[in-house]
Every structure is written in structure tokens, then in C-alpha cells.
Amino acid sequence: MQSNTAAFLMLTFWLAMAPALSAQTGEVNSCVSCHLEEGEELAVPVEGMRNDVHAQNGLSCADCHGGDPKAGLDGDMDAAMDPDKGYIGVPSRKDIPTFCARCHSNTAYMRKFNPRVASNQLERYKTSIHGKRLINGDEKVATCVDCHGVHGIRASNDALSLIYPTNVPSTCGRCHADAEYMADYDIPINQLTSYTKSVHGVALLDRGDLGAPACNDCHGNHGAAPPGAPSIAFICGQCHLNNSELFFKSPHRVAYEENDFPECETCHDYHDIQHPSDEMLGVGENSICIECHEEDSKGYATAIAMRNQIEFLKSKMSTADSLVALAERAGMEVSDALYQLNDADDALVKARTQIHSLDLDNIVNVTNEGVTLADAALLAGTNALSEVQFRRKGLAVSLVFLLILAVGLYLKIKEIDIKHPLR
């Protein structure tokens, strides 16, 4: 019964889809009708093509698989799937990249559909870890269909696409988080779990921030490869430009090269990147500076000095913010002080960024700018509160005066009433 129902639904789908396919290709597609008649398994590709970007652009089965759909209209499937007519059928895994590249590497052909689509994916894929392993006979590695799908490939800007930014981690994780599948490879399988808890993963997956990096932003797309230690700062620098530039000019850059340390990753980790905090700086319990710098070393002293500058500015800002907020609640005009506090906060952000330079003089200069602004806001808040007190005292004096005046008027009226009583 279920089989008959499924067949009926598939037939209904074909009847609805056939006019659209005819309009796109100019012909009735015997591939579709035959696959629908041969059962659910063979009907899956037809169902998938409903939302496929290729079908939406007027391409049909034969454009990828070859053959002659017209020859099958009279039921001659051998003629429709004749290799002499270009029939390829299902390509082997090792041939999938070149199979897709027949069109996607043809710049002139691809320009008819989307001039912005790159036509060098195959060349880049061959440089990737996946591509190199596939060439050497490892057919478990990812090919085009593992990342993009087979029938039902959606445009990259479609939220249901396997390569839509919010779906990329799970797409990569289908292989890289599968312990059994990855058993033959000497790489971790916790990348997806770590990423979902990271500052990047939370931004992308929880908050829907499409500007947050996913796997492909750091590792590449078709040319996917793990970044080498000396190139990590360049990768992070695509987004964190100021931090990257400061790092390249810092003593850390030379030390990291000499010791083959992986630049940003050494302090911030990689898949499990957490939101940086001031606790990371200095020599406290959660400091990362003391992992390399021993007590009494120059680096140890610099870490203490940088942390002290940051904390001093934060303390000044906190005090000023409390007074300004108190004055604002009292109804005083404190807009200038609020602007000064906002600028002081910008200075704090700049100081935290300057830490990557390890230039204490620069950090002192920036924090001093923030302290000056915080002091100005503190003074404005203090003056505003003094004005509040002055106004309150003036109001109290005025109330006493008015009370005395009221009492005097009352007594005077009383006196008049006694001398001239109403009759």
C-alpha cells in the first residue's frame, strides 16, 4: 500500500514537473519518466532536482550524464544510455572532480550562467589535501559531491545549501567528526565540537552572524589545507587586521619563527577560540604569558606592566562611570561626560589591541589618553553632583523662607481677624 502511495506521489510530482522541464530544455525528458517508473530508489534523483541550481538554469540529466533522452521516449533505454551518444552514467569517485569540471572549468560556458563563479576549482582542488590524496588513490576523501551534494545542489546563498555559512561546520563535520570514518587519518575528530563552543562558532551558529568565520574561511574551499605555523597570522589577519600587523612588528614574531610556534594559535588556540579576556594578560592564575615567560624575565615584567596599565584605565573608567550615572539619574546634563567615557572605552579597546605589539611605551600612551578622558568625565560627574547638592541646599533655603513667609502671613491674617472680626 505504501509503495503504491509513493508511486502515485512520484507520478503526481512528475506530471507537475514535466511542463517546467520541457520549458527549460525544450523536450520531454525520458530519464525522468523512466526513473519514476523504476521505483523509489531511482526516483530520488528526480525528486532532488526539484530545487537543484542546475535544473533552475535549464540543465537536465543528459547535460551531466550524457546519453540521448529522446531515444528513450519509445522505451528503448539501451539507445538512451548508449555510450556512443556520450552516456557516462554514475562517475566513479576518483573521476568526480573532472566530471564536474567539464563545465565548471569552462570559463566561457560558465559565464552564461554566472560570471562571478570561479572556473579554477579543479586546479585548486588538486592542490588541496583532499585532491592530493584522491590522486594518490584515497577515495574516502571529500570530492565535489560530498560538500555540494549530488542531485538537489542548491545555490551557495540558499540557506538550505550544504555550503551556506551556517551549514559549513556540519558539512565538514560529517566526515571530520566521524571517528570510524576518520580512523585511518592521524588528525583529531573534535574540531566540530570545539568550534561550536568557540567565539566564532557561537557568533555564526547561535547568533547567525554570517561574517563569523567557518571552516572554509581559515582552511580554504576547493584548495582546503591546514595552515602552516608561519601563515596563521595572515589567515587570522583577514579579519583581525590590526592585531596581525602589530604582531608582525613584535618580538614575538621572531621568537615564534625561531621556535616554529604557530603564531596566533599559541595564545588563542584554534578551533576552541574563546573570547579574549584581560585575565589572559599578566602573571595571574589564568595568564598565558607565564606559560613561556619565567619569573624575573623581561617578558614576565612586561606582562605585569601591560596588565597594570589596562587595570588602571579600567579602574578610572569605573569610578567615572559610577559618578556620571549617579548625576544622570539625578537629572543633570552629562552628555559631554558620556562622550568622554565612550572615547575612554575606545582607548581601552586600542590598548588591548596594542598588547600584540608588546610595545609598553605605546600601551602607556594609549592608556594615558583613556585616563585623561576618564578623569575629565570624573570631573564632570563630580561637578554635576556638586551642582545637585547646591540646588538641593538652595531649594531647602527657599522652602524655609517660604515656610516663614507662610507663617507670617497666617499670623498677620489672624491679627486682622481679631481686630476686625466678621459680623
Protein backbone atom coordinates (compact mmCIF):
# COMPACT_ATOMS: atom_id res chain seq x y z
CA MET A 1 0.00 0.00 0.00
CA GLN A 2 2.80 2.38 0.97
CA SER A 3 4.65 1.52 -2.26
CA ASN A 4 1.56 2.33 -4.34
CA THR A 5 1.10 5.61 -2.48
CA ALA A 6 4.74 6.55 -3.05
CA ALA A 7 4.45 5.69 -6.74
CA PHE A 8 1.30 7.80 -7.00
CA LEU A 9 3.02 10.75 -5.33
CA MET A 10 6.04 10.41 -7.61
CA LEU A 11 3.79 10.26 -10.66
CA THR A 12 1.94 13.35 -9.46
CA PHE A 13 5.28 15.11 -8.98
CA TRP A 14 6.37 14.15 -12.49
CA LEU A 15 3.15 15.46 -14.00
CA ALA A 16 3.69 18.75 -12.20
CA MET A 17 7.37 18.91 -13.06
CA ALA A 18 7.28 17.80 -16.68
CA PRO A 19 5.98 21.13 -18.09
CA ALA A 20 8.72 23.02 -16.26
CA LEU A 21 11.39 20.68 -17.58
CA SER A 22 10.00 20.95 -21.06
CA ALA A 23 10.08 24.73 -20.84
CA GLN A 24 13.69 24.66 -19.68
CA THR A 25 15.08 22.08 -22.07
CA GLY A 26 12.61 22.23 -24.93
CA GLU A 27 11.99 18.49 -24.76
CA VAL A 28 10.28 15.78 -22.72
CA ASN A 29 12.85 14.02 -20.56
CA SER A 30 12.64 10.24 -20.76
CA CYS A 31 15.26 10.00 -17.96
CA VAL A 32 12.72 11.47 -15.55
CA SER A 33 9.79 9.30 -16.65
CA CYS A 34 11.86 6.11 -16.56
CA HIS A 35 13.37 6.80 -13.14
CA LEU A 36 9.93 7.47 -11.73
CA GLU A 37 8.63 4.19 -13.10
CA GLU A 38 11.53 2.10 -11.76
CA GLY A 39 10.81 2.62 -8.04
CA GLU A 40 11.62 4.84 -5.11
CA GLU A 41 15.41 4.44 -5.15
CA LEU A 42 15.79 5.55 -8.76
CA ALA A 43 13.21 8.28 -8.25
CA VAL A 44 15.33 10.01 -5.59
CA PRO A 45 17.48 11.91 -8.12
CA VAL A 46 14.34 13.21 -9.83
CA GLU A 47 12.91 14.42 -6.53
CA GLY A 48 16.21 16.07 -5.67
CA MET A 49 16.33 18.02 -8.92
CA ARG A 50 13.20 19.95 -7.92
CA ASN A 51 15.39 22.54 -6.13
CA ASP A 52 18.65 21.93 -7.95
CA VAL A 53 20.51 25.01 -9.18
CA HIS A 54 21.34 23.19 -12.43
CA ALA A 55 17.69 22.49 -13.19
CA GLN A 56 16.84 26.09 -12.36
CA ASN A 57 19.32 27.14 -15.02
CA GLY A 58 17.78 24.88 -17.67
CA LEU A 59 20.13 21.91 -17.40
CA SER A 60 18.80 18.36 -17.33
CA CYS A 61 20.04 14.83 -16.68
CA ALA A 62 21.82 14.42 -20.03
CA ASP A 63 23.85 17.61 -19.53
CA CYS A 64 25.77 15.83 -16.79
CA HIS A 65 25.30 12.14 -17.51
CA GLY A 66 25.18 12.23 -21.29
CA GLY A 67 23.04 9.94 -23.42
CA ASP A 68 20.01 10.72 -25.56
CA PRO A 69 16.74 11.28 -23.63
CA LYS A 70 14.78 11.45 -26.88
CA ALA A 71 15.82 7.92 -27.80
CA GLY A 72 14.16 6.63 -24.69
CA LEU A 73 10.73 8.04 -25.49
CA ASP A 74 9.77 4.82 -27.26
CA GLY A 75 11.04 2.71 -24.36
CA ASP A 76 14.47 1.88 -25.81
CA MET A 77 16.60 2.50 -22.72
CA ASP A 78 19.69 0.97 -24.31
CA ALA A 79 19.56 3.61 -27.03
CA ALA A 80 19.02 6.37 -24.45
CA MET A 81 22.02 5.19 -22.44
CA ASP A 82 24.30 4.43 -25.39
CA PRO A 83 27.97 5.26 -24.59
CA ASP A 84 28.39 6.19 -28.24
CA LYS A 85 25.93 9.00 -27.56
CA GLY A 86 28.02 10.27 -24.68
CA TYR A 87 26.34 8.35 -21.87
CA ILE A 88 28.50 8.36 -18.74
CA GLY A 89 26.14 7.23 -16.03
CA VAL A 90 27.39 7.41 -12.47
CA PRO A 91 31.04 8.53 -12.37
CA SER A 92 33.48 6.79 -10.07
CA ARG A 93 34.58 8.78 -7.02
CA LYS A 94 38.04 9.37 -8.43
CA ASP A 95 36.52 10.87 -11.57
CA ILE A 96 34.01 13.19 -9.88
CA PRO A 97 36.22 16.32 -9.85
CA THR A 98 36.94 16.09 -13.57
CA PHE A 99 33.30 15.11 -14.18
CA CYS A 100 32.09 18.39 -12.64
CA ALA A 101 34.98 20.35 -14.14
CA ARG A 102 33.79 19.63 -17.67
CA CYS A 103 31.52 22.62 -17.19
CA HIS A 104 32.91 24.39 -14.15
CA SER A 105 36.39 24.77 -15.66
CA ASN A 106 34.98 26.20 -18.88
CA THR A 107 35.04 29.96 -18.33
CA ALA A 108 33.09 30.79 -21.48
CA TYR A 109 30.39 28.24 -20.67
CA MET A 110 30.04 29.26 -17.01
CA ARG A 111 29.83 32.94 -17.93
CA LYS A 112 26.42 32.26 -19.50
CA PHE A 113 25.05 31.40 -16.08
CA ASN A 114 27.07 33.37 -13.55
CA PRO A 115 30.19 35.35 -14.48
CA ARG A 116 31.20 35.51 -10.81
CA VAL A 117 31.59 31.75 -10.42
CA ALA A 118 35.29 30.84 -10.43
CA SER A 119 36.44 28.42 -13.10
CA ASN A 120 39.64 27.25 -11.38
CA GLN A 121 38.08 24.99 -8.77
CA LEU A 122 39.63 21.82 -10.22
CA GLU A 123 43.15 23.28 -10.22
CA ARG A 124 42.71 24.47 -6.66
CA TYR A 125 41.22 21.15 -5.58
CA LYS A 126 44.31 19.35 -6.89
CA THR A 127 46.44 21.44 -4.52
CA SER A 128 44.29 20.55 -1.51
CA ILE A 129 44.80 17.72 0.96
CA HIS A 130 41.65 16.13 -0.40
CA GLY A 131 42.75 16.42 -4.01
CA LYS A 132 46.27 15.14 -3.43
CA ARG A 133 45.00 12.10 -1.56
CA LEU A 134 42.40 11.37 -4.22
CA ILE A 135 45.06 11.48 -6.94
CA ASN A 136 47.10 9.02 -4.89
CA GLY A 137 44.19 6.58 -4.72
CA ASP A 138 42.41 7.51 -1.46
CA GLU A 139 38.75 7.57 -2.48
CA LYS A 140 37.48 8.29 1.04
CA VAL A 141 38.46 11.94 0.86
CA ALA A 142 35.94 14.62 0.04
CA THR A 143 35.05 15.33 -3.58
CA CYS A 144 32.64 17.87 -5.05
CA VAL A 145 29.51 15.88 -4.16
CA ASP A 146 30.47 15.45 -0.50
CA CYS A 147 30.41 19.18 0.06
CA HIS A 148 27.84 20.35 -2.50
CA GLY A 149 25.53 17.35 -2.71
CA VAL A 150 24.53 15.39 -5.80
CA HIS A 151 21.01 15.91 -7.09
CA GLY A 152 19.47 18.84 -5.29
CA ILE A 153 22.55 21.06 -5.28
CA ARG A 154 21.45 24.49 -4.11
CA ALA A 155 22.98 27.88 -4.75
CA SER A 156 25.58 28.91 -2.16
CA ASN A 157 23.37 31.77 -0.93
CA ASP A 158 20.45 29.41 -0.29
CA ALA A 159 20.08 28.85 3.47
CA LEU A 160 19.45 25.14 2.78
CA SER A 161 22.65 24.73 0.79
CA LEU A 162 25.29 22.46 2.31
CA ILE A 163 27.82 25.25 1.82
CA TYR A 164 25.72 28.08 3.24
CA PRO A 165 27.88 29.64 6.00
CA THR A 166 25.84 28.31 8.91
CA ASN A 167 25.85 24.81 7.38
CA VAL A 168 29.56 24.60 6.56
CA PRO A 169 30.67 23.30 10.00
CA SER A 170 28.19 20.42 9.95
CA THR A 171 29.04 19.66 6.29
CA CYS A 172 32.74 19.35 7.11
CA GLY A 173 31.85 17.57 10.34
CA ARG A 174 30.04 14.77 8.53
CA CYS A 175 33.48 13.34 7.84
CA HIS A 176 35.79 15.09 10.28
CA ALA A 177 33.63 14.37 13.34
CA ASP A 178 33.05 10.73 12.41
CA ALA A 179 35.51 8.68 14.47
CA GLU A 180 35.02 5.50 12.44
CA TYR A 181 35.36 7.25 9.09
CA MET A 182 38.45 9.17 10.18
CA ALA A 183 40.14 6.21 11.86
CA ASP A 184 42.70 5.90 9.05
CA TYR A 185 43.84 9.52 9.41
CA ASP A 186 46.08 10.91 12.10
CA ILE A 187 44.03 14.03 12.82
CA PRO A 188 41.65 14.96 15.67
CA ILE A 189 37.90 14.45 15.36
CA ASN A 190 36.83 17.05 17.94
CA GLN A 191 37.08 20.08 15.65
CA LEU A 192 33.32 20.48 15.24
CA THR A 193 32.62 20.12 18.96
CA SER A 194 35.35 22.62 19.81
CA TYR A 195 34.25 25.07 17.14
CA THR A 196 30.62 25.15 18.24
CA LYS A 197 31.77 26.31 21.71
CA SER A 198 34.21 28.88 20.36
CA VAL A 199 33.67 32.60 19.98
CA HIS A 200 33.43 32.08 16.22
CA GLY A 201 31.01 29.18 16.45
CA VAL A 202 28.71 30.96 18.89
CA ALA A 203 28.65 34.04 16.64
CA LEU A 204 27.87 32.04 13.49
CA LEU A 205 25.66 29.22 14.75
CA ASP A 206 23.91 30.80 17.74
CA ARG A 207 23.67 34.45 16.70
CA GLY A 208 23.53 33.90 12.93
CA ASP A 209 26.41 36.30 12.24
CA LEU A 210 27.36 35.36 8.67
CA GLY A 211 30.53 37.42 8.99
CA ALA A 212 31.94 35.00 11.55
CA PRO A 213 34.44 32.50 10.12
CA ALA A 214 33.55 28.88 9.42
CA CYS A 215 35.92 26.05 8.44
CA ASN A 216 36.43 27.25 4.87
CA ASP A 217 37.36 30.79 5.89
CA CYS A 218 40.51 29.51 7.60
CA HIS A 219 41.26 26.33 5.67
CA GLY A 220 40.11 27.34 2.21
CA ASN A 221 37.38 25.95 -0.02
CA HIS A 222 38.47 23.90 -3.00
CA GLY A 223 42.13 24.35 -2.06
CA ALA A 224 41.50 23.23 1.52
CA ALA A 225 44.64 22.66 3.55
CA PRO A 226 45.68 23.08 7.18
CA PRO A 227 47.56 26.37 7.57
CA GLY A 228 51.25 26.11 8.37
CA ALA A 229 52.63 27.72 11.52
CA PRO A 230 54.10 30.80 9.76
CA SER A 231 50.87 31.55 7.87
CA ILE A 232 48.33 31.54 10.70
CA ALA A 233 48.68 35.25 11.44
CA PHE A 234 47.95 36.01 7.77
CA ILE A 235 44.79 33.88 7.96
CA CYS A 236 43.60 35.46 11.22
CA GLY A 237 44.60 38.83 9.80
CA GLN A 238 41.90 38.59 7.14
CA CYS A 239 39.52 39.71 9.88
CA HIS A 240 41.81 40.85 12.69
CA LEU A 241 43.99 43.14 10.60
CA ASN A 242 45.26 45.47 13.35
CA ASN A 243 46.23 42.60 15.62
CA SER A 244 48.01 40.86 12.78
CA GLU A 245 50.01 43.93 11.75
CA LEU A 246 51.07 44.62 15.33
CA PHE A 247 52.12 41.01 15.80
CA PHE A 248 54.33 41.06 12.70
CA LYS A 249 56.27 44.01 14.16
CA SER A 250 56.56 42.49 17.63
CA PRO A 251 59.40 40.48 19.22
CA HIS A 252 57.00 37.51 19.32
CA ARG A 253 57.16 37.13 15.55
CA VAL A 254 60.90 36.47 15.59
CA ALA A 255 60.69 34.19 18.63
CA TYR A 256 57.84 32.20 17.12
CA GLU A 257 59.74 31.70 13.86
CA GLU A 258 62.82 30.52 15.72
CA ASN A 259 60.79 28.03 17.76
CA ASP A 260 58.29 27.12 14.99
CA PHE A 261 55.38 28.24 17.17
CA PRO A 262 52.00 28.65 15.41
CA GLU A 263 51.54 32.42 15.73
CA CYS A 264 48.03 33.46 16.93
CA GLU A 265 47.19 29.89 17.84
CA THR A 266 49.87 29.79 20.55
CA CYS A 267 47.91 32.21 22.73
CA HIS A 268 44.37 31.91 21.42
CA ASP A 269 44.14 28.23 20.41
CA TYR A 270 42.46 27.40 17.07
CA HIS A 271 39.09 25.62 16.84
CA ASP A 272 38.30 26.30 20.50
CA ILE A 273 38.99 30.05 20.41
CA GLN A 274 37.36 31.76 23.37
CA HIS A 275 36.54 35.42 23.78
CA PRO A 276 39.80 37.04 24.96
CA SER A 277 39.82 38.46 28.48
CA ASP A 278 42.21 40.62 30.46
CA GLU A 279 42.85 37.58 32.65
CA MET A 280 44.94 36.17 29.82
CA LEU A 281 47.41 39.04 30.29
CA GLY A 282 49.83 39.41 33.19
CA VAL A 283 51.00 36.74 35.62
CA GLY A 284 47.75 35.70 37.30
CA GLU A 285 46.31 32.21 37.57
CA ASN A 286 44.67 32.39 34.13
CA SER A 287 47.54 34.16 32.40
CA ILE A 288 49.04 32.66 29.27
CA CYS A 289 52.14 34.84 29.45
CA ILE A 290 53.64 32.71 32.22
CA GLU A 291 53.44 29.62 30.02
CA CYS A 292 56.56 30.90 28.26
CA HIS A 293 57.97 33.71 30.40
CA GLU A 294 59.60 32.77 33.69
CA GLU A 295 59.65 34.99 36.77
CA ASP A 296 62.36 37.70 36.75
CA SER A 297 62.48 37.63 32.94
CA LYS A 298 61.89 40.73 30.81
CA GLY A 299 58.76 39.19 29.31
CA TYR A 300 57.38 38.49 32.78
CA ALA A 301 57.93 42.12 33.85
CA THR A 302 56.40 43.42 30.61
CA ALA A 303 53.32 41.25 31.13
CA ILE A 304 52.84 42.72 34.62
CA ALA A 305 53.32 46.28 33.36
CA MET A 306 50.85 45.86 30.48
CA ARG A 307 48.21 44.34 32.75
CA ASN A 308 48.68 47.13 35.31
CA GLN A 309 48.10 49.77 32.62
CA ILE A 310 44.91 48.07 31.49
CA GLU A 311 43.61 47.71 35.06
CA PHE A 312 44.47 51.32 35.94
CA LEU A 313 42.46 52.61 32.99
CA LYS A 314 39.55 50.28 33.81
CA SER A 315 39.55 51.49 37.42
CA LYS A 316 39.47 55.14 36.36
CA MET A 317 36.64 54.45 33.92
CA SER A 318 34.63 52.52 36.51
CA THR A 319 34.83 55.33 39.06
CA ALA A 320 33.93 57.98 36.50
CA ASP A 321 31.09 55.88 35.11
CA SER A 322 29.55 55.44 38.56
CA LEU A 323 29.58 59.21 39.29
CA VAL A 324 28.31 60.18 35.85
CA ALA A 325 25.50 57.61 36.07
CA LEU A 326 24.54 58.96 39.51
CA ALA A 327 24.46 62.53 38.19
CA GLU A 328 22.41 61.43 35.16
CA ARG A 329 19.84 59.74 37.41
CA ALA A 330 19.63 62.98 39.37
CA GLY A 331 18.52 64.71 36.19
CA MET A 332 21.76 66.55 35.37
CA GLU A 333 23.02 67.20 31.84
CA VAL A 334 26.04 64.88 31.43
CA SER A 335 26.16 64.23 27.68
CA ASP A 336 29.73 65.53 27.38
CA ALA A 337 30.87 63.22 30.16
CA LEU A 338 29.19 60.26 28.45
CA TYR A 339 31.01 61.06 25.21
CA GLN A 340 34.28 61.23 27.12
CA LEU A 341 33.61 57.84 28.70
CA ASN A 342 32.82 56.40 25.28
CA ASP A 343 36.16 57.73 23.96
CA ALA A 344 37.91 56.32 27.02
CA ASP A 345 36.38 52.92 26.20
CA ASP A 346 37.75 53.22 22.66
CA ALA A 347 41.17 53.86 24.18
CA LEU A 348 40.78 50.70 26.28
CA VAL A 349 39.99 48.69 23.14
CA LYS A 350 43.04 50.18 21.39
CA ALA A 351 45.23 49.40 24.38
CA ARG A 352 44.10 45.79 24.37
CA THR A 353 44.94 45.63 20.67
CA GLN A 354 48.34 47.26 21.24
CA ILE A 355 49.25 44.35 23.52
CA HIS A 356 50.05 42.38 20.36
CA SER A 357 52.90 44.80 19.69
CA LEU A 358 54.49 44.20 23.13
CA ASP A 359 55.50 47.87 22.96
CA LEU A 360 54.94 49.09 26.51
CA ASP A 361 55.50 52.76 25.59
CA ASN A 362 52.69 52.64 23.03
CA ILE A 363 50.39 50.92 25.50
CA VAL A 364 51.17 53.56 28.14
CA ASN A 365 50.45 56.35 25.66
CA VAL A 366 47.10 54.86 24.69
CA THR A 367 46.01 54.11 28.25
CA ASN A 368 47.08 57.61 29.34
CA GLU A 369 44.78 59.06 26.70
CA GLY A 370 41.98 56.96 28.15
CA VAL A 371 42.86 58.00 31.71
CA THR A 372 42.77 61.68 30.70
CA LEU A 373 39.32 61.22 29.21
CA ALA A 374 38.12 59.25 32.24
CA ASP A 375 39.44 61.98 34.56
CA ALA A 376 37.59 64.61 32.53
CA ALA A 377 34.39 62.59 32.79
CA LEU A 378 35.03 62.09 36.52
CA LEU A 379 35.42 65.85 36.99
CA ALA A 380 32.25 66.49 35.01
CA GLY A 381 30.38 63.95 37.11
CA THR A 382 31.75 65.43 40.34
CA ASN A 383 30.76 68.96 39.27
CA ALA A 384 27.31 67.74 38.28
CA LEU A 385 26.82 66.11 41.67
CA SER A 386 28.07 69.27 43.39
CA GLU A 387 25.53 71.21 41.37
CA VAL A 388 22.87 68.78 42.54
CA GLN A 389 23.88 69.38 46.17
CA PHE A 390 23.95 73.14 45.63
CA ARG A 391 20.50 73.07 44.10
CA ARG A 392 19.19 70.91 46.92
CA LYS A 393 20.59 73.32 49.54
CA GLY A 394 19.14 76.28 47.65
CA LEU A 395 15.81 74.51 47.48
CA ALA A 396 15.94 73.81 51.23
CA VAL A 397 16.68 77.50 51.99
CA SER A 398 13.88 78.54 49.66
CA LEU A 399 11.47 76.17 51.35
CA VAL A 400 12.41 77.51 54.81
CA PHE A 401 11.94 81.07 53.58
CA LEU A 402 8.58 80.22 52.06
CA LEU A 403 7.55 78.47 55.26
CA ILE A 404 8.48 81.51 57.38
CA LEU A 405 6.62 83.74 54.93
CA ALA A 406 3.56 81.50 55.12
CA VAL A 407 3.61 81.52 58.91
CA GLY A 408 3.99 85.32 58.93
CA LEU A 409 1.06 85.72 56.57
CA TYR A 410 -1.01 83.39 58.71
CA LEU A 411 -0.26 85.36 61.89
CA LYS A 412 -0.99 88.65 60.15
CA ILE A 413 -4.32 87.39 58.90
CA LYS A 414 -5.09 86.13 62.41
CA GLU A 415 -4.30 89.57 63.85
CA ILE A 416 -6.56 91.30 61.35
CA ASP A 417 -9.38 88.90 62.10
CA ILE A 418 -9.10 89.70 65.82
CA LYS A 419 -9.17 93.49 65.26
CA HIS A 420 -11.85 93.38 62.65
CA PRO A 421 -14.00 90.34 63.28
CA LEU A 422 -16.59 89.49 60.69
CA ARG A 423 -20.13 90.39 61.74
